[in-house]
Amino acid sequence: MTNRIFIGQNGNSYQIRVSKAGYDVTTVTDPTQLAFYETLSGLVPFEQGLVTVGSGATVSVTLTGTYTYYPFIVLRNNLNQVPGNWYYARLTLSTKSLTFKNNYSASMVIKYCVFRELDW
């Protein structure tokens, strides 16, 4: 069995690393063999935008990226409401159509951020 997780001091630096399946985290020299490591950048939106949706209305936008899996999508509206009963978005992967539904009694502006799937 290979060592997959390392948290601690390695020489003069502290590290937190998780290797991909089949790689020993203590001997990896190529970052592509790691699923997570201490200098890995945080999530950066691949696509983002603003959409205004009237009360009781539905609005769709077409995403431009190519996705083989459903991406992670974050929503926020100008009324500081959490997505759920008041508003939500649904992605149809085959058409890349992101559809927003507003069930609230007022118009709202929704910001969306789409994150590409991670390469494991």
PDB file of N, CA and C in Angstrom:
ATOM      1  N   MET A   1       0.848  -1.181   0.000  1.00  0.00           N
ATOM      2  CA  MET A   1       0.000   0.000   0.000  1.00  0.00           C
ATOM      3  C   MET A   1       0.892   1.243   0.000  1.00  0.00           C
ATOM      4  N   THR A   2       0.532   2.229  -0.795  1.00  0.00           N
ATOM      5  CA  THR A   2       1.327   3.450  -0.887  1.00  0.00           C
ATOM      6  C   THR A   2       0.879   4.472   0.143  1.00  0.00           C
ATOM      7  N   ASN A   3       1.825   5.355   0.510  1.00  0.00           N
ATOM      8  CA  ASN A   3       1.501   6.481   1.381  1.00  0.00           C
ATOM      9  C   ASN A   3       0.789   7.526   0.538  1.00  0.00           C
ATOM     10  N   ARG A   4      -0.432   7.904   0.909  1.00  0.00           N
ATOM     11  CA  ARG A   4      -1.222   8.836   0.098  1.00  0.00           C
ATOM     12  C   ARG A   4      -1.333  10.227   0.704  1.00  0.00           C
ATOM     13  N   ILE A   5      -1.148  10.386   2.022  1.00  0.00           N
ATOM     14  CA  ILE A   5      -1.335  11.681   2.683  1.00  0.00           C
ATOM     15  C   ILE A   5      -0.099  12.031   3.494  1.00  0.00           C
ATOM     16  N   PHE A   6       0.343  13.292   3.364  1.00  0.00           N
ATOM     17  CA  PHE A   6       1.456  13.793   4.170  1.00  0.00           C
ATOM     18  C   PHE A   6       1.091  15.167   4.708  1.00  0.00           C
ATOM     19  N   ILE A   7       1.195  15.329   6.017  1.00  0.00           N
ATOM     20  CA  ILE A   7       1.013  16.625   6.673  1.00  0.00           C
ATOM     21  C   ILE A   7       2.158  16.772   7.660  1.00  0.00           C
ATOM     22  N   GLY A   8       2.998  17.798   7.463  1.00  0.00           N
ATOM     23  CA  GLY A   8       4.100  17.998   8.392  1.00  0.00           C
ATOM     24  C   GLY A   8       5.247  18.761   7.769  1.00  0.00           C
ATOM     25  N   GLN A   9       6.387  18.693   8.459  1.00  0.00           N
ATOM     26  CA  GLN A   9       7.567  19.410   8.000  1.00  0.00           C
ATOM     27  C   GLN A   9       8.415  18.493   7.128  1.00  0.00           C
ATOM     28  N   ASN A  10       8.828  19.026   5.982  1.00  0.00           N
ATOM     29  CA  ASN A  10       9.699  18.318   5.059  1.00  0.00           C
ATOM     30  C   ASN A  10      10.880  19.240   4.797  1.00  0.00           C
ATOM     31  N   GLY A  11      12.001  18.971   5.437  1.00  0.00           N
ATOM     32  CA  GLY A  11      13.139  19.878   5.337  1.00  0.00           C
ATOM     33  C   GLY A  11      12.831  21.178   6.053  1.00  0.00           C
ATOM     34  N   ASN A  12      12.925  22.293   5.324  1.00  0.00           N
ATOM     35  CA  ASN A  12      12.672  23.610   5.917  1.00  0.00           C
ATOM     36  C   ASN A  12      11.254  24.116   5.687  1.00  0.00           C
ATOM     37  N   SER A  13      10.393  23.324   5.072  1.00  0.00           N
ATOM     38  CA  SER A  13       9.039  23.804   4.780  1.00  0.00           C
ATOM     39  C   SER A  13       7.985  22.851   5.336  1.00  0.00           C
ATOM     40  N   TYR A  14       6.824  23.431   5.603  1.00  0.00           N
ATOM     41  CA  TYR A  14       5.684  22.630   6.030  1.00  0.00           C
ATOM     42  C   TYR A  14       4.840  22.311   4.801  1.00  0.00           C
ATOM     43  N   GLN A  15       4.351  21.084   4.748  1.00  0.00           N
ATOM     44  CA  GLN A  15       3.609  20.641   3.577  1.00  0.00           C
ATOM     45  C   GLN A  15       2.337  19.915   3.985  1.00  0.00           C
ATOM     46  N   ILE A  16       1.351  20.012   3.100  1.00  0.00           N
ATOM     47  CA  ILE A  16       0.149  19.190   3.195  1.00  0.00           C
ATOM     48  C   ILE A  16      -0.109  18.687   1.780  1.00  0.00           C
ATOM     49  N   ARG A  17      -0.054  17.383   1.602  1.00  0.00           N
ATOM     50  CA  ARG A  17      -0.139  16.791   0.267  1.00  0.00           C
ATOM     51  C   ARG A  17      -0.985  15.525   0.282  1.00  0.00           C
ATOM     52  N   VAL A  18      -1.703  15.325  -0.822  1.00  0.00           N
ATOM     53  CA  VAL A  18      -2.460  14.092  -1.043  1.00  0.00           C
ATOM     54  C   VAL A  18      -2.119  13.625  -2.449  1.00  0.00           C
ATOM     55  N   SER A  19      -1.606  12.412  -2.553  1.00  0.00           N
ATOM     56  CA  SER A  19      -1.233  11.904  -3.878  1.00  0.00           C
ATOM     57  C   SER A  19      -2.424  11.246  -4.554  1.00  0.00           C
ATOM     58  N   LYS A  20      -2.357  11.173  -5.872  1.00  0.00           N
ATOM     59  CA  LYS A  20      -3.363  10.447  -6.638  1.00  0.00           C
ATOM     60  C   LYS A  20      -3.149   8.949  -6.432  1.00  0.00           C
ATOM     61  N   ALA A  21      -4.171   8.169  -6.741  1.00  0.00           N
ATOM     62  CA  ALA A  21      -4.096   6.718  -6.579  1.00  0.00           C
ATOM     63  C   ALA A  21      -2.895   6.155  -7.330  1.00  0.00           C
ATOM     64  N   GLY A  22      -2.143   5.281  -6.655  1.00  0.00           N
ATOM     65  CA  GLY A  22      -0.995   4.638  -7.281  1.00  0.00           C
ATOM     66  C   GLY A  22       0.323   5.365  -7.086  1.00  0.00           C
ATOM     67  N   TYR A  23       0.310   6.553  -6.471  1.00  0.00           N
ATOM     68  CA  TYR A  23       1.539   7.325  -6.257  1.00  0.00           C
ATOM     69  C   TYR A  23       1.806   7.469  -4.764  1.00  0.00           C
ATOM     70  N   ASP A  24       3.066   7.331  -4.391  1.00  0.00           N
ATOM     71  CA  ASP A  24       3.490   7.485  -3.004  1.00  0.00           C
ATOM     72  C   ASP A  24       3.784   8.961  -2.754  1.00  0.00           C
ATOM     73  N   VAL A  25       3.053   9.562  -1.834  1.00  0.00           N
ATOM     74  CA  VAL A  25       3.182  10.994  -1.571  1.00  0.00           C
ATOM     75  C   VAL A  25       4.587  11.372  -1.087  1.00  0.00           C
ATOM     76  N   THR A  26       5.324  10.422  -0.521  1.00  0.00           N
ATOM     77  CA  THR A  26       6.664  10.731   0.002  1.00  0.00           C
ATOM     78  C   THR A  26       7.738  10.738  -1.076  1.00  0.00           C
ATOM     79  N   THR A  27       7.427  10.215  -2.267  1.00  0.00           N
ATOM     80  CA  THR A  27       8.434  10.168  -3.337  1.00  0.00           C
ATOM     81  C   THR A  27       8.024  10.927  -4.599  1.00  0.00           C
ATOM     82  N   VAL A  28       6.828  11.498  -4.620  1.00  0.00           N
ATOM     83  CA  VAL A  28       6.330  12.219  -5.801  1.00  0.00           C
ATOM     84  C   VAL A  28       7.188  13.450  -6.071  1.00  0.00           C
ATOM     85  N   THR A  29       7.594  13.629  -7.339  1.00  0.00           N
ATOM     86  CA  THR A  29       8.335  14.829  -7.737  1.00  0.00           C
ATOM     87  C   THR A  29       7.561  15.662  -8.754  1.00  0.00           C
ATOM     88  N   ASP A  30       6.541  15.081  -9.358  1.00  0.00           N
ATOM     89  CA  ASP A  30       5.729  15.765 -10.365  1.00  0.00           C
ATOM     90  C   ASP A  30       4.386  16.166  -9.750  1.00  0.00           C
ATOM     91  N   PRO A  31       4.065  17.482  -9.692  1.00  0.00           N
ATOM     92  CA  PRO A  31       2.801  17.918  -9.086  1.00  0.00           C
ATOM     93  C   PRO A  31       1.551  17.323  -9.738  1.00  0.00           C
ATOM     94  N   THR A  32       1.640  16.867 -10.986  1.00  0.00           N
ATOM     95  CA  THR A  32       0.462  16.268 -11.627  1.00  0.00           C
ATOM     96  C   THR A  32       0.106  14.917 -11.001  1.00  0.00           C
ATOM     97  N   GLN A  33       1.008  14.365 -10.185  1.00  0.00           N
ATOM     98  CA  GLN A  33       0.739  13.115  -9.482  1.00  0.00           C
ATOM     99  C   GLN A  33       0.067  13.356  -8.128  1.00  0.00           C
ATOM    100  N   LEU A  34      -0.162  14.645  -7.804  1.00  0.00           N
ATOM    101  CA  LEU A  34      -0.793  15.009  -6.541  1.00  0.00           C
ATOM    102  C   LEU A  34      -2.217  15.500  -6.780  1.00  0.00           C
ATOM    103  N   ALA A  35      -3.142  15.079  -5.917  1.00  0.00           N
ATOM    104  CA  ALA A  35      -4.515  15.579  -5.978  1.00  0.00           C
ATOM    105  C   ALA A  35      -4.628  16.910  -5.254  1.00  0.00           C
ATOM    106  N   PHE A  36      -3.792  17.128  -4.249  1.00  0.00           N
ATOM    107  CA  PHE A  36      -3.799  18.363  -3.465  1.00  0.00           C
ATOM    108  C   PHE A  36      -2.397  18.587  -2.931  1.00  0.00           C
ATOM    109  N   TYR A  37      -1.952  19.851  -2.955  1.00  0.00           N
ATOM    110  CA  TYR A  37      -0.658  20.190  -2.371  1.00  0.00           C
ATOM    111  C   TYR A  37      -0.655  21.638  -1.923  1.00  0.00           C
ATOM    112  N   GLU A  38       0.315  22.003  -1.107  1.00  0.00           N
ATOM    113  CA  GLU A  38       0.307  23.271  -0.381  1.00  0.00           C
ATOM    114  C   GLU A  38       0.347  24.521  -1.254  1.00  0.00           C
ATOM    115  N   THR A  39       0.839  24.464  -2.460  1.00  0.00           N
ATOM    116  CA  THR A  39       0.881  25.652  -3.316  1.00  0.00           C
ATOM    117  C   THR A  39      -0.185  25.622  -4.415  1.00  0.00           C
ATOM    118  N   LEU A  40      -1.104  24.671  -4.327  1.00  0.00           N
ATOM    119  CA  LEU A  40      -2.199  24.578  -5.294  1.00  0.00           C
ATOM    120  C   LEU A  40      -3.086  25.809  -5.164  1.00  0.00           C
ATOM    121  N   SER A  41      -3.391  26.448  -6.284  1.00  0.00           N
ATOM    122  CA  SER A  41      -4.232  27.646  -6.233  1.00  0.00           C
ATOM    123  C   SER A  41      -5.667  27.267  -5.903  1.00  0.00           C
ATOM    124  N   GLY A  42      -6.399  28.219  -5.346  1.00  0.00           N
ATOM    125  CA  GLY A  42      -7.789  28.001  -4.985  1.00  0.00           C
ATOM    126  C   GLY A  42      -8.685  27.957  -6.204  1.00  0.00           C
ATOM    127  N   LEU A  43      -9.940  27.712  -5.964  1.00  0.00           N
ATOM    128  CA  LEU A  43     -10.900  27.664  -7.067  1.00  0.00           C
ATOM    129  C   LEU A  43     -11.030  29.032  -7.725  1.00  0.00           C
ATOM    130  N   VAL A  44     -11.002  29.054  -9.020  1.00  0.00           N
ATOM    131  CA  VAL A  44     -11.173  30.272  -9.804  1.00  0.00           C
ATOM    132  C   VAL A  44     -12.344  30.033 -10.752  1.00  0.00           C
ATOM    133  N   PRO A  45     -13.304  30.961 -10.794  1.00  0.00           N
ATOM    134  CA  PRO A  45     -14.440  30.754 -11.696  1.00  0.00           C
ATOM    135  C   PRO A  45     -13.990  30.626 -13.146  1.00  0.00           C
ATOM    136  N   PHE A  46     -14.543  29.646 -13.847  1.00  0.00           N
ATOM    137  CA  PHE A  46     -14.266  29.467 -15.270  1.00  0.00           C
ATOM    138  C   PHE A  46     -15.170  30.373 -16.091  1.00  0.00           C
ATOM    139  N   GLU A  47     -16.413  30.524 -15.619  1.00  0.00           N
ATOM    140  CA  GLU A  47     -17.382  31.423 -16.247  1.00  0.00           C
ATOM    141  C   GLU A  47     -18.167  32.095 -15.137  1.00  0.00           C
ATOM    142  N   GLN A  48     -18.587  33.334 -15.391  1.00  0.00           N
ATOM    143  CA  GLN A  48     -19.442  34.020 -14.435  1.00  0.00           C
ATOM    144  C   GLN A  48     -20.265  35.077 -15.149  1.00  0.00           C
ATOM    145  N   GLY A  49     -21.321  35.502 -14.501  1.00  0.00           N
ATOM    146  CA  GLY A  49     -22.159  36.520 -15.116  1.00  0.00           C
ATOM    147  C   GLY A  49     -23.263  36.969 -14.189  1.00  0.00           C
ATOM    148  N   LEU A  50     -24.015  37.959 -14.652  1.00  0.00           N
ATOM    149  CA  LEU A  50     -25.171  38.491 -13.940  1.00  0.00           C
ATOM    150  C   LEU A  50     -26.397  38.316 -14.817  1.00  0.00           C
ATOM    151  N   VAL A  51     -27.515  37.984 -14.189  1.00  0.00           N
ATOM    152  CA  VAL A  51     -28.764  37.846 -14.925  1.00  0.00           C
ATOM    153  C   VAL A  51     -29.882  38.457 -14.076  1.00  0.00           C
ATOM    154  N   THR A  52     -30.735  39.248 -14.700  1.00  0.00           N
ATOM    155  CA  THR A  52     -31.893  39.825 -14.018  1.00  0.00           C
ATOM    156  C   THR A  52     -33.104  38.959 -14.322  1.00  0.00           C
ATOM    157  N   VAL A  53     -33.792  38.536 -13.243  1.00  0.00           N
ATOM    158  CA  VAL A  53     -34.946  37.648 -13.391  1.00  0.00           C
ATOM    159  C   VAL A  53     -36.139  38.297 -12.692  1.00  0.00           C
ATOM    160  N   GLY A  54     -37.192  38.551 -13.438  1.00  0.00           N
ATOM    161  CA  GLY A  54     -38.399  39.153 -12.880  1.00  0.00           C
ATOM    162  C   GLY A  54     -39.133  38.199 -11.956  1.00  0.00           C
ATOM    163  N   SER A  55     -40.039  38.746 -11.160  1.00  0.00           N
ATOM    164  CA  SER A  55     -40.841  37.951 -10.238  1.00  0.00           C
ATOM    165  C   SER A  55     -41.615  36.868 -10.992  1.00  0.00           C
ATOM    166  N   GLY A  56     -41.465  35.625 -10.573  1.00  0.00           N
ATOM    167  CA  GLY A  56     -42.154  34.501 -11.194  1.00  0.00           C
ATOM    168  C   GLY A  56     -41.628  34.100 -12.561  1.00  0.00           C
ATOM    169  N   ALA A  57     -40.523  34.703 -12.980  1.00  0.00           N
ATOM    170  CA  ALA A  57     -40.007  34.473 -14.335  1.00  0.00           C
ATOM    171  C   ALA A  57     -38.902  33.425 -14.363  1.00  0.00           C
ATOM    172  N   THR A  58     -38.586  32.997 -15.569  1.00  0.00           N
ATOM    173  CA  THR A  58     -37.491  32.077 -15.845  1.00  0.00           C
ATOM    174  C   THR A  58     -36.628  32.699 -16.932  1.00  0.00           C
ATOM    175  N   VAL A  59     -35.315  32.658 -16.732  1.00  0.00           N
ATOM    176  CA  VAL A  59     -34.364  33.197 -17.709  1.00  0.00           C
ATOM    177  C   VAL A  59     -33.268  32.162 -17.915  1.00  0.00           C
ATOM    178  N   SER A  60     -32.837  31.973 -19.155  1.00  0.00           N
ATOM    179  CA  SER A  60     -31.763  31.021 -19.462  1.00  0.00           C
ATOM    180  C   SER A  60     -30.583  31.727 -20.101  1.00  0.00           C
ATOM    181  N   VAL A  61     -29.391  31.231 -19.791  1.00  0.00           N
ATOM    182  CA  VAL A  61     -28.163  31.676 -20.449  1.00  0.00           C
ATOM    183  C   VAL A  61     -27.452  30.427 -20.951  1.00  0.00           C
ATOM    184  N   THR A  62     -26.643  30.584 -21.977  1.00  0.00           N
ATOM    185  CA  THR A  62     -25.876  29.458 -22.506  1.00  0.00           C
ATOM    186  C   THR A  62     -24.432  29.595 -22.064  1.00  0.00           C
ATOM    187  N   LEU A  63     -23.926  28.574 -21.391  1.00  0.00           N
ATOM    188  CA  LEU A  63     -22.531  28.577 -20.961  1.00  0.00           C
ATOM    189  C   LEU A  63     -21.630  28.343 -22.168  1.00  0.00           C
ATOM    190  N   THR A  64     -20.427  28.894 -22.114  1.00  0.00           N
ATOM    191  CA  THR A  64     -19.513  28.781 -23.253  1.00  0.00           C
ATOM    192  C   THR A  64     -18.493  27.666 -23.092  1.00  0.00           C
ATOM    193  N   GLY A  65     -18.261  27.215 -21.865  1.00  0.00           N
ATOM    194  CA  GLY A  65     -17.247  26.188 -21.619  1.00  0.00           C
ATOM    195  C   GLY A  65     -17.697  24.804 -22.048  1.00  0.00           C
ATOM    196  N   THR A  66     -16.741  23.887 -22.075  1.00  0.00           N
ATOM    197  CA  THR A  66     -17.020  22.491 -22.365  1.00  0.00           C
ATOM    198  C   THR A  66     -16.936  21.719 -21.060  1.00  0.00           C
ATOM    199  N   TYR A  67     -17.995  21.027 -20.713  1.00  0.00           N
ATOM    200  CA  TYR A  67     -18.056  20.300 -19.450  1.00  0.00           C
ATOM    201  C   TYR A  67     -18.419  18.847 -19.719  1.00  0.00           C
ATOM    202  N   THR A  68     -17.615  17.927 -19.182  1.00  0.00           N
ATOM    203  CA  THR A  68     -17.927  16.503 -19.300  1.00  0.00           C
ATOM    204  C   THR A  68     -18.696  16.016 -18.078  1.00  0.00           C
ATOM    205  N   TYR A  69     -18.628  16.771 -16.994  1.00  0.00           N
ATOM    206  CA  TYR A  69     -19.375  16.499 -15.772  1.00  0.00           C
ATOM    207  C   TYR A  69     -20.108  17.777 -15.382  1.00  0.00           C
ATOM    208  N   TYR A  70     -21.105  17.658 -14.529  1.00  0.00           N
ATOM    209  CA  TYR A  70     -21.770  18.858 -14.035  1.00  0.00           C
ATOM    210  C   TYR A  70     -20.777  19.665 -13.205  1.00  0.00           C
ATOM    211  N   PRO A  71     -20.587  20.935 -13.540  1.00  0.00           N
ATOM    212  CA  PRO A  71     -19.636  21.754 -12.793  1.00  0.00           C
ATOM    213  C   PRO A  71     -20.243  22.232 -11.474  1.00  0.00           C
ATOM    214  N   PHE A  72     -19.381  22.740 -10.612  1.00  0.00           N
ATOM    215  CA  PHE A  72     -19.795  23.345  -9.351  1.00  0.00           C
ATOM    216  C   PHE A  72     -20.238  24.775  -9.657  1.00  0.00           C
ATOM    217  N   ILE A  73     -21.457  25.142  -9.285  1.00  0.00           N
ATOM    218  CA  ILE A  73     -22.008  26.463  -9.586  1.00  0.00           C
ATOM    219  C   ILE A  73     -22.419  27.138  -8.282  1.00  0.00           C
ATOM    220  N   VAL A  74     -22.009  28.389  -8.110  1.00  0.00           N
ATOM    221  CA  VAL A  74     -22.366  29.175  -6.930  1.00  0.00           C
ATOM    222  C   VAL A  74     -23.281  30.310  -7.375  1.00  0.00           C
ATOM    223  N   LEU A  75     -24.367  30.520  -6.625  1.00  0.00           N
ATOM    224  CA  LEU A  75     -25.326  31.585  -6.920  1.00  0.00           C
ATOM    225  C   LEU A  75     -25.402  32.561  -5.751  1.00  0.00           C
ATOM    226  N   ARG A  76     -25.654  33.826  -6.087  1.00  0.00           N
ATOM    227  CA  ARG A  76     -25.905  34.844  -5.065  1.00  0.00           C
ATOM    228  C   ARG A  76     -26.818  35.892  -5.682  1.00  0.00           C
ATOM    229  N   ASN A  77     -27.789  36.372  -4.906  1.00  0.00           N
ATOM    230  CA  ASN A  77     -28.653  37.412  -5.461  1.00  0.00           C
ATOM    231  C   ASN A  77     -28.493  38.722  -4.701  1.00  0.00           C
ATOM    232  N   ASN A  78     -29.023  39.789  -5.268  1.00  0.00           N
ATOM    233  CA  ASN A  78     -28.887  41.115  -4.677  1.00  0.00           C
ATOM    234  C   ASN A  78     -29.759  41.305  -3.439  1.00  0.00           C
ATOM    235  N   LEU A  79     -30.649  40.366  -3.135  1.00  0.00           N
ATOM    236  CA  LEU A  79     -31.516  40.455  -1.962  1.00  0.00           C
ATOM    237  C   LEU A  79     -30.959  39.661  -0.781  1.00  0.00           C
ATOM    238  N   ASN A  80     -29.757  39.119  -0.933  1.00  0.00           N
ATOM    239  CA  ASN A  80     -29.080  38.323   0.102  1.00  0.00           C
ATOM    240  C   ASN A  80     -29.898  37.114   0.544  1.00  0.00           C
ATOM    241  N   GLN A  81     -30.546  36.463  -0.395  1.00  0.00           N
ATOM    242  CA  GLN A  81     -31.284  35.241  -0.108  1.00  0.00           C
ATOM    243  C   GLN A  81     -30.472  34.033  -0.568  1.00  0.00           C
ATOM    244  N   VAL A  82     -30.604  32.976   0.179  1.00  0.00           N
ATOM    245  CA  VAL A  82     -29.923  31.728  -0.152  1.00  0.00           C
ATOM    246  C   VAL A  82     -30.720  31.015  -1.244  1.00  0.00           C
ATOM    247  N   PRO A  83     -30.058  30.439  -2.264  1.00  0.00           N
ATOM    248  CA  PRO A  83     -30.794  29.681  -3.283  1.00  0.00           C
ATOM    249  C   PRO A  83     -31.595  28.553  -2.637  1.00  0.00           C
ATOM    250  N   GLY A  84     -32.735  28.280  -3.173  1.00  0.00           N
ATOM    251  CA  GLY A  84     -33.599  27.228  -2.632  1.00  0.00           C
ATOM    252  C   GLY A  84     -35.016  27.469  -3.083  1.00  0.00           C
ATOM    253  N   ASN A  85     -35.923  27.717  -2.144  1.00  0.00           N
ATOM    254  CA  ASN A  85     -37.330  27.941  -2.490  1.00  0.00           C
ATOM    255  C   ASN A  85     -37.553  29.229  -3.267  1.00  0.00           C
ATOM    256  N   TRP A  86     -36.823  30.288  -2.940  1.00  0.00           N
ATOM    257  CA  TRP A  86     -37.066  31.584  -3.578  1.00  0.00           C
ATOM    258  C   TRP A  86     -36.500  31.657  -4.989  1.00  0.00           C
ATOM    259  N   TYR A  87     -35.344  31.083  -5.194  1.00  0.00           N
ATOM    260  CA  TYR A  87     -34.761  31.070  -6.540  1.00  0.00           C
ATOM    261  C   TYR A  87     -33.775  29.922  -6.641  1.00  0.00           C
ATOM    262  N   TYR A  88     -33.544  29.481  -7.862  1.00  0.00           N
ATOM    263  CA  TYR A  88     -32.595  28.394  -8.091  1.00  0.00           C
ATOM    264  C   TYR A  88     -32.161  28.421  -9.544  1.00  0.00           C
ATOM    265  N   ALA A  89     -31.164  27.610  -9.855  1.00  0.00           N
ATOM    266  CA  ALA A  89     -30.703  27.454 -11.238  1.00  0.00           C
ATOM    267  C   ALA A  89     -30.617  25.970 -11.544  1.00  0.00           C
ATOM    268  N   ARG A  90     -30.849  25.635 -12.794  1.00  0.00           N
ATOM    269  CA  ARG A  90     -30.766  24.248 -13.253  1.00  0.00           C
ATOM    270  C   ARG A  90     -29.964  24.226 -14.549  1.00  0.00           C
ATOM    271  N   LEU A  91     -28.984  23.328 -14.622  1.00  0.00           N
ATOM    272  CA  LEU A  91     -28.137  23.210 -15.805  1.00  0.00           C
ATOM    273  C   LEU A  91     -28.529  21.976 -16.605  1.00  0.00           C
ATOM    274  N   THR A  92     -28.750  22.172 -17.903  1.00  0.00           N
ATOM    275  CA  THR A  92     -28.931  21.056 -18.832  1.00  0.00           C
ATOM    276  C   THR A  92     -27.593  20.876 -19.532  1.00  0.00           C
ATOM    277  N   LEU A  93     -26.862  19.843 -19.145  1.00  0.00           N
ATOM    278  CA  LEU A  93     -25.487  19.661 -19.606  1.00  0.00           C
ATOM    279  C   LEU A  93     -25.391  19.510 -21.120  1.00  0.00           C
ATOM    280  N   SER A  94     -26.326  18.805 -21.737  1.00  0.00           N
ATOM    281  CA  SER A  94     -26.245  18.543 -23.183  1.00  0.00           C
ATOM    282  C   SER A  94     -26.349  19.816 -24.023  1.00  0.00           C
ATOM    283  N   THR A  95     -27.072  20.823 -23.533  1.00  0.00           N
ATOM    284  CA  THR A  95     -27.229  22.076 -24.282  1.00  0.00           C
ATOM    285  C   THR A  95     -26.452  23.226 -23.651  1.00  0.00           C
ATOM    286  N   LYS A  96     -25.841  22.980 -22.501  1.00  0.00           N
ATOM    287  CA  LYS A  96     -25.110  23.995 -21.726  1.00  0.00           C
ATOM    288  C   LYS A  96     -26.011  25.169 -21.340  1.00  0.00           C
ATOM    289  N   SER A  97     -27.309  24.900 -21.185  1.00  0.00           N
ATOM    290  CA  SER A  97     -28.284  25.928 -20.827  1.00  0.00           C
ATOM    291  C   SER A  97     -28.442  25.987 -19.311  1.00  0.00           C
ATOM    292  N   LEU A  98     -28.118  27.146 -18.731  1.00  0.00           N
ATOM    293  CA  LEU A  98     -28.275  27.377 -17.296  1.00  0.00           C
ATOM    294  C   LEU A  98     -29.544  28.208 -17.121  1.00  0.00           C
ATOM    295  N   THR A  99     -30.568  27.607 -16.507  1.00  0.00           N
ATOM    296  CA  THR A  99     -31.877  28.239 -16.384  1.00  0.00           C
ATOM    297  C   THR A  99     -32.109  28.676 -14.943  1.00  0.00           C
ATOM    298  N   PHE A 100     -32.478  29.940 -14.775  1.00  0.00           N
ATOM    299  CA  PHE A 100     -32.745  30.528 -13.466  1.00  0.00           C
ATOM    300  C   PHE A 100     -34.251  30.689 -13.293  1.00  0.00           C
ATOM    301  N   LYS A 101     -34.754  30.340 -12.119  1.00  0.00           N
ATOM    302  CA  LYS A 101     -36.178  30.495 -11.798  1.00  0.00           C
ATOM    303  C   LYS A 101     -36.297  31.369 -10.559  1.00  0.00           C
ATOM    304  N   ASN A 102     -37.139  32.418 -10.636  1.00  0.00           N
ATOM    305  CA  ASN A 102     -37.375  33.327  -9.522  1.00  0.00           C
ATOM    306  C   ASN A 102     -38.799  33.121  -9.012  1.00  0.00           C
ATOM    307  N   ASN A 103     -38.938  32.567  -7.811  1.00  0.00           N
ATOM    308  CA  ASN A 103     -40.246  32.358  -7.190  1.00  0.00           C
ATOM    309  C   ASN A 103     -40.593  33.461  -6.196  1.00  0.00           C
ATOM    310  N   TYR A 104     -39.742  34.470  -6.109  1.00  0.00           N
ATOM    311  CA  TYR A 104     -39.941  35.549  -5.135  1.00  0.00           C
ATOM    312  C   TYR A 104     -40.906  36.591  -5.697  1.00  0.00           C
ATOM    313  N   SER A 105     -41.440  37.441  -4.824  1.00  0.00           N
ATOM    314  CA  SER A 105     -42.431  38.443  -5.235  1.00  0.00           C
ATOM    315  C   SER A 105     -41.813  39.712  -5.810  1.00  0.00           C
ATOM    316  N   ALA A 106     -40.506  39.728  -6.012  1.00  0.00           N
ATOM    317  CA  ALA A 106     -39.832  40.897  -6.587  1.00  0.00           C
ATOM    318  C   ALA A 106     -38.768  40.431  -7.571  1.00  0.00           C
ATOM    319  N   SER A 107     -38.406  41.319  -8.477  1.00  0.00           N
ATOM    320  CA  SER A 107     -37.327  41.052  -9.426  1.00  0.00           C
ATOM    321  C   SER A 107     -36.006  40.948  -8.672  1.00  0.00           C
ATOM    322  N   MET A 108     -35.065  40.190  -9.205  1.00  0.00           N
ATOM    323  CA  MET A 108     -33.753  40.071  -8.559  1.00  0.00           C
ATOM    324  C   MET A 108     -32.655  39.942  -9.606  1.00  0.00           C
ATOM    325  N   VAL A 109     -31.450  40.321  -9.179  1.00  0.00           N
ATOM    326  CA  VAL A 109     -30.252  40.137  -9.998  1.00  0.00           C
ATOM    327  C   VAL A 109     -29.475  38.988  -9.376  1.00  0.00           C
ATOM    328  N   ILE A 110     -29.167  37.986 -10.171  1.00  0.00           N
ATOM    329  CA  ILE A 110     -28.449  36.805  -9.687  1.00  0.00           C
ATOM    330  C   ILE A 110     -27.065  36.781 -10.323  1.00  0.00           C
ATOM    331  N   LYS A 111     -26.049  36.647  -9.471  1.00  0.00           N
ATOM    332  CA  LYS A 111     -24.686  36.452  -9.968  1.00  0.00           C
ATOM    333  C   LYS A 111     -24.405  34.957  -9.912  1.00  0.00           C
ATOM    334  N   TYR A 112     -23.817  34.427 -10.985  1.00  0.00           N
ATOM    335  CA  TYR A 112     -23.454  33.014 -11.003  1.00  0.00           C
ATOM    336  C   TYR A 112     -21.969  32.869 -11.322  1.00  0.00           C
ATOM    337  N   CYS A 113     -21.346  31.897 -10.692  1.00  0.00           N
ATOM    338  CA  CYS A 113     -19.946  31.542 -10.948  1.00  0.00           C
ATOM    339  C   CYS A 113     -19.898  30.042 -11.197  1.00  0.00           C
ATOM    340  N   VAL A 114     -19.287  29.657 -12.300  1.00  0.00           N
ATOM    341  CA  VAL A 114     -19.197  28.253 -12.693  1.00  0.00           C
ATOM    342  C   VAL A 114     -17.737  27.837 -12.598  1.00  0.00           C
ATOM    343  N   PHE A 115     -17.489  26.772 -11.859  1.00  0.00           N
ATOM    344  CA  PHE A 115     -16.138  26.262 -11.676  1.00  0.00           C
ATOM    345  C   PHE A 115     -15.983  24.970 -12.461  1.00  0.00           C
ATOM    346  N   ARG A 116     -14.898  24.856 -13.205  1.00  0.00           N
ATOM    347  CA  ARG A 116     -14.622  23.653 -13.993  1.00  0.00           C
ATOM    348  C   ARG A 116     -14.327  22.487 -13.045  1.00  0.00           C
ATOM    349  N   GLU A 117     -14.675  21.280 -13.477  1.00  0.00           N
ATOM    350  CA  GLU A 117     -14.387  20.112 -12.649  1.00  0.00           C
ATOM    351  C   GLU A 117     -12.878  19.954 -12.488  1.00  0.00           C
ATOM    352  N   LEU A 118     -12.474  19.402 -11.364  1.00  0.00           N
ATOM    353  CA  LEU A 118     -11.058  19.181 -11.104  1.00  0.00           C
ATOM    354  C   LEU A 118     -10.561  17.981 -11.884  1.00  0.00           C
ATOM    355  N   ASP A 119      -9.310  18.025 -12.280  1.00  0.00           N
ATOM    356  CA  ASP A 119      -8.693  16.914 -13.008  1.00  0.00           C
ATOM    357  C   ASP A 119      -8.060  15.969 -11.999  1.00  0.00           C
ATOM    358  N   TRP A 120      -8.783  14.918 -11.653  1.00  0.00           N
ATOM    359  CA  TRP A 120      -8.251  13.951 -10.690  1.00  0.00           C
ATOM    360  C   TRP A 120      -7.501  12.915 -11.462  1.00  0.00           C
TER     361      TRP A 120
END
